[in-house]
Amino acid sequence: MQINKHFFSALIGKVIVTKEGKRLGFVKDILFETKSGELINIIVKDPTIYTRNLNLEKTNSNDLLIPYSAIIAIGDFVIVSEEDLI
């Protein structure tokens, strides 16, 4: 079985949308646990008004966070499950 490998930097700048097609913003950065390498959150750049109203967790600098567990797929877009954000 072949495993596709991609660089983390390929995610930066991708558009984040819900599976219903609502635009949430762009990937600014990714937070991960340094000991295990587990991906924790995506930091949202240029969040839409809709995104700001979702009551998402924030960083100390007020950047919005999307839990990595909410991600359904990554391709041309990062697609997330809105149900996992609420």
N, C-alpha and C. Protein backbone atom coordinates (compact mmCIF):
# COMPACT_ATOMS: atom_id res chain seq x y z
N MET A 1 0.84 -1.18 0.00
CA MET A 1 0.00 0.00 0.00
C MET A 1 0.88 1.24 0.00
N GLN A 2 0.66 2.11 -0.94
CA GLN A 2 1.44 3.33 -1.05
C GLN A 2 0.85 4.42 -0.16
N ILE A 3 1.71 5.09 0.59
CA ILE A 3 1.27 6.18 1.46
C ILE A 3 1.68 7.51 0.82
N ASN A 4 0.69 8.39 0.65
CA ASN A 4 0.98 9.71 0.11
C ASN A 4 1.52 10.59 1.22
N LYS A 5 2.62 11.26 0.96
CA LYS A 5 3.21 12.16 1.94
C LYS A 5 3.20 13.57 1.37
N HIS A 6 2.86 14.53 2.23
CA HIS A 6 2.81 15.92 1.82
C HIS A 6 3.46 16.77 2.90
N PHE A 7 4.04 17.87 2.49
CA PHE A 7 4.64 18.80 3.43
C PHE A 7 3.57 19.64 4.11
N PHE A 8 3.82 19.93 5.37
CA PHE A 8 2.93 20.79 6.16
C PHE A 8 2.71 22.12 5.45
N SER A 9 3.75 22.66 4.84
CA SER A 9 3.66 23.97 4.19
C SER A 9 2.65 23.98 3.04
N ALA A 10 2.31 22.81 2.52
CA ALA A 10 1.32 22.74 1.44
C ALA A 10 -0.08 23.10 1.94
N LEU A 11 -0.31 23.03 3.25
CA LEU A 11 -1.61 23.38 3.82
C LEU A 11 -1.79 24.88 4.04
N ILE A 12 -0.68 25.58 4.25
CA ILE A 12 -0.75 27.01 4.55
C ILE A 12 -1.40 27.75 3.37
N GLY A 13 -2.40 28.55 3.69
CA GLY A 13 -3.08 29.34 2.67
C GLY A 13 -4.27 28.67 2.02
N LYS A 14 -4.49 27.37 2.30
CA LYS A 14 -5.65 26.70 1.71
C LYS A 14 -6.95 27.26 2.30
N VAL A 15 -7.98 27.29 1.50
CA VAL A 15 -9.29 27.76 1.93
C VAL A 15 -9.92 26.68 2.81
N ILE A 16 -10.52 27.11 3.93
CA ILE A 16 -11.22 26.21 4.83
C ILE A 16 -12.71 26.39 4.59
N VAL A 17 -13.41 25.29 4.30
CA VAL A 17 -14.85 25.32 4.07
C VAL A 17 -15.51 24.20 4.86
N THR A 18 -16.80 24.38 5.13
CA THR A 18 -17.57 23.30 5.75
C THR A 18 -18.01 22.35 4.64
N LYS A 19 -18.46 21.18 5.03
CA LYS A 19 -18.94 20.22 4.02
C LYS A 19 -20.19 20.73 3.32
N GLU A 20 -20.86 21.74 3.93
CA GLU A 20 -22.01 22.37 3.30
C GLU A 20 -21.59 23.49 2.35
N GLY A 21 -20.29 23.81 2.30
CA GLY A 21 -19.79 24.81 1.37
C GLY A 21 -19.61 26.20 1.94
N LYS A 22 -19.79 26.38 3.26
CA LYS A 22 -19.62 27.70 3.87
C LYS A 22 -18.12 27.96 4.06
N ARG A 23 -17.67 29.11 3.55
CA ARG A 23 -16.26 29.48 3.68
C ARG A 23 -15.98 29.98 5.09
N LEU A 24 -14.89 29.46 5.71
CA LEU A 24 -14.54 29.84 7.07
C LEU A 24 -13.31 30.74 7.14
N GLY A 25 -12.44 30.66 6.15
CA GLY A 25 -11.20 31.44 6.14
C GLY A 25 -10.10 30.64 5.46
N PHE A 26 -8.86 30.92 5.86
CA PHE A 26 -7.70 30.25 5.28
C PHE A 26 -6.84 29.65 6.39
N VAL A 27 -6.05 28.64 6.05
CA VAL A 27 -5.14 28.04 7.02
C VAL A 27 -3.96 29.00 7.23
N LYS A 28 -3.80 29.45 8.46
CA LYS A 28 -2.69 30.33 8.81
C LYS A 28 -1.51 29.53 9.33
N ASP A 29 -1.80 28.53 10.17
CA ASP A 29 -0.76 27.71 10.79
C ASP A 29 -1.43 26.48 11.39
N ILE A 30 -0.62 25.59 11.91
CA ILE A 30 -1.12 24.37 12.54
C ILE A 30 -0.46 24.21 13.90
N LEU A 31 -1.25 23.84 14.90
CA LEU A 31 -0.71 23.56 16.23
C LEU A 31 -0.61 22.06 16.41
N PHE A 32 0.51 21.59 16.97
CA PHE A 32 0.67 20.17 17.21
C PHE A 32 1.41 19.94 18.52
N GLU A 33 1.23 18.75 19.06
CA GLU A 33 1.89 18.33 20.29
C GLU A 33 3.32 17.91 19.92
N THR A 34 4.30 18.57 20.53
CA THR A 34 5.69 18.32 20.14
C THR A 34 6.20 16.92 20.49
N LYS A 35 5.72 16.37 21.60
CA LYS A 35 6.21 15.04 22.01
C LYS A 35 5.69 13.93 21.11
N SER A 36 4.41 13.99 20.80
CA SER A 36 3.80 12.90 20.02
C SER A 36 3.69 13.22 18.53
N GLY A 37 3.73 14.51 18.18
CA GLY A 37 3.52 14.91 16.79
C GLY A 37 2.06 14.99 16.40
N GLU A 38 1.17 14.77 17.37
CA GLU A 38 -0.26 14.80 17.10
C GLU A 38 -0.71 16.20 16.70
N LEU A 39 -1.47 16.28 15.61
CA LEU A 39 -2.02 17.56 15.16
C LEU A 39 -3.22 17.90 16.03
N ILE A 40 -3.25 19.14 16.54
CA ILE A 40 -4.28 19.55 17.48
C ILE A 40 -5.29 20.50 16.84
N ASN A 41 -4.83 21.62 16.29
CA ASN A 41 -5.72 22.65 15.75
C ASN A 41 -5.15 23.26 14.48
N ILE A 42 -6.05 23.83 13.71
CA ILE A 42 -5.68 24.68 12.58
C ILE A 42 -5.98 26.11 13.02
N ILE A 43 -5.05 27.00 12.79
CA ILE A 43 -5.26 28.42 13.08
C ILE A 43 -5.83 29.07 11.83
N VAL A 44 -6.93 29.82 12.00
CA VAL A 44 -7.65 30.42 10.88
C VAL A 44 -7.14 31.83 10.61
N LYS A 45 -6.84 32.08 9.34
CA LYS A 45 -6.44 33.42 8.89
C LYS A 45 -7.63 34.02 8.14
N ASP A 46 -7.87 35.29 8.34
CA ASP A 46 -8.97 36.01 7.67
C ASP A 46 -10.31 35.30 7.86
N PRO A 47 -10.72 35.06 9.12
CA PRO A 47 -12.00 34.37 9.34
C PRO A 47 -13.18 35.22 8.83
N THR A 48 -14.17 34.53 8.32
CA THR A 48 -15.38 35.21 7.86
C THR A 48 -16.23 35.60 9.08
N ILE A 49 -17.23 36.41 8.85
CA ILE A 49 -18.16 36.79 9.93
C ILE A 49 -18.84 35.54 10.46
N TYR A 50 -19.20 34.62 9.57
CA TYR A 50 -19.83 33.37 9.99
C TYR A 50 -18.91 32.60 10.95
N THR A 51 -17.63 32.55 10.63
CA THR A 51 -16.67 31.84 11.47
C THR A 51 -16.56 32.50 12.85
N ARG A 52 -16.54 33.81 12.89
CA ARG A 52 -16.43 34.53 14.17
C ARG A 52 -17.62 34.26 15.08
N ASN A 53 -18.76 33.93 14.50
CA ASN A 53 -19.97 33.67 15.28
C ASN A 53 -20.08 32.21 15.75
N LEU A 54 -19.11 31.37 15.42
CA LEU A 54 -19.17 29.95 15.79
C LEU A 54 -18.72 29.67 17.21
N ASN A 55 -18.20 30.67 17.92
CA ASN A 55 -17.73 30.48 19.29
C ASN A 55 -16.61 29.44 19.37
N LEU A 56 -15.64 29.57 18.47
CA LEU A 56 -14.49 28.67 18.45
C LEU A 56 -13.48 29.06 19.52
N GLU A 57 -12.65 28.10 19.90
CA GLU A 57 -11.56 28.39 20.83
C GLU A 57 -10.59 29.37 20.17
N LYS A 58 -9.92 30.19 20.99
CA LYS A 58 -8.99 31.19 20.48
C LYS A 58 -7.61 31.03 21.10
N THR A 59 -6.60 31.52 20.39
CA THR A 59 -5.25 31.57 20.93
C THR A 59 -5.12 32.81 21.81
N ASN A 60 -3.98 32.97 22.45
CA ASN A 60 -3.73 34.17 23.27
C ASN A 60 -3.77 35.44 22.44
N SER A 61 -3.46 35.32 21.15
CA SER A 61 -3.48 36.49 20.27
C SER A 61 -4.81 36.62 19.50
N ASN A 62 -5.86 35.95 20.00
CA ASN A 62 -7.22 36.01 19.45
C ASN A 62 -7.39 35.38 18.08
N ASP A 63 -6.46 34.53 17.65
CA ASP A 63 -6.66 33.76 16.41
C ASP A 63 -7.65 32.64 16.71
N LEU A 64 -8.55 32.37 15.77
CA LEU A 64 -9.52 31.30 15.94
C LEU A 64 -8.90 29.95 15.62
N LEU A 65 -9.34 28.92 16.35
CA LEU A 65 -8.81 27.57 16.20
C LEU A 65 -9.90 26.62 15.74
N ILE A 66 -9.57 25.79 14.77
CA ILE A 66 -10.46 24.71 14.35
C ILE A 66 -9.81 23.41 14.77
N PRO A 67 -10.52 22.58 15.54
CA PRO A 67 -9.92 21.32 15.97
C PRO A 67 -9.59 20.42 14.78
N TYR A 68 -8.44 19.82 14.83
CA TYR A 68 -8.01 18.96 13.73
C TYR A 68 -8.98 17.79 13.56
N SER A 69 -9.63 17.39 14.64
CA SER A 69 -10.58 16.28 14.57
C SER A 69 -11.80 16.62 13.72
N ALA A 70 -12.04 17.89 13.44
CA ALA A 70 -13.19 18.30 12.63
C ALA A 70 -12.91 18.19 11.13
N ILE A 71 -11.64 17.95 10.76
CA ILE A 71 -11.28 17.87 9.35
C ILE A 71 -11.79 16.57 8.74
N ILE A 72 -12.48 16.72 7.62
CA ILE A 72 -13.00 15.57 6.88
C ILE A 72 -12.05 15.18 5.75
N ALA A 73 -11.57 16.20 5.03
CA ALA A 73 -10.71 15.94 3.88
C ALA A 73 -9.82 17.15 3.61
N ILE A 74 -8.69 16.86 2.98
CA ILE A 74 -7.77 17.92 2.55
C ILE A 74 -7.42 17.65 1.10
N GLY A 75 -7.67 18.65 0.28
CA GLY A 75 -7.35 18.57 -1.14
C GLY A 75 -7.09 19.98 -1.60
N ASP A 76 -7.87 20.44 -2.57
CA ASP A 76 -7.79 21.84 -2.98
C ASP A 76 -8.27 22.75 -1.85
N PHE A 77 -9.15 22.22 -1.00
CA PHE A 77 -9.70 22.91 0.16
C PHE A 77 -9.48 22.04 1.39
N VAL A 78 -9.56 22.67 2.57
CA VAL A 78 -9.64 21.91 3.82
C VAL A 78 -11.12 21.88 4.17
N ILE A 79 -11.69 20.69 4.18
CA ILE A 79 -13.12 20.54 4.43
C ILE A 79 -13.31 20.06 5.85
N VAL A 80 -14.18 20.78 6.59
CA VAL A 80 -14.43 20.45 7.99
C VAL A 80 -15.92 20.17 8.21
N SER A 81 -16.19 19.41 9.24
CA SER A 81 -17.55 19.12 9.65
C SER A 81 -18.01 20.20 10.61
N GLU A 82 -19.03 20.94 10.20
CA GLU A 82 -19.54 22.02 11.04
C GLU A 82 -20.09 21.49 12.36
N GLU A 83 -20.64 20.29 12.36
CA GLU A 83 -21.18 19.69 13.57
C GLU A 83 -20.10 19.52 14.63
N ASP A 84 -18.87 19.27 14.20
CA ASP A 84 -17.75 19.09 15.13
C ASP A 84 -17.19 20.41 15.65
N LEU A 85 -17.68 21.52 15.12
CA LEU A 85 -17.21 22.84 15.56
C LEU A 85 -18.10 23.42 16.63
N ILE A 86 -19.33 22.96 16.72
CA ILE A 86 -20.31 23.55 17.65
C ILE A 86 -20.27 22.85 18.98
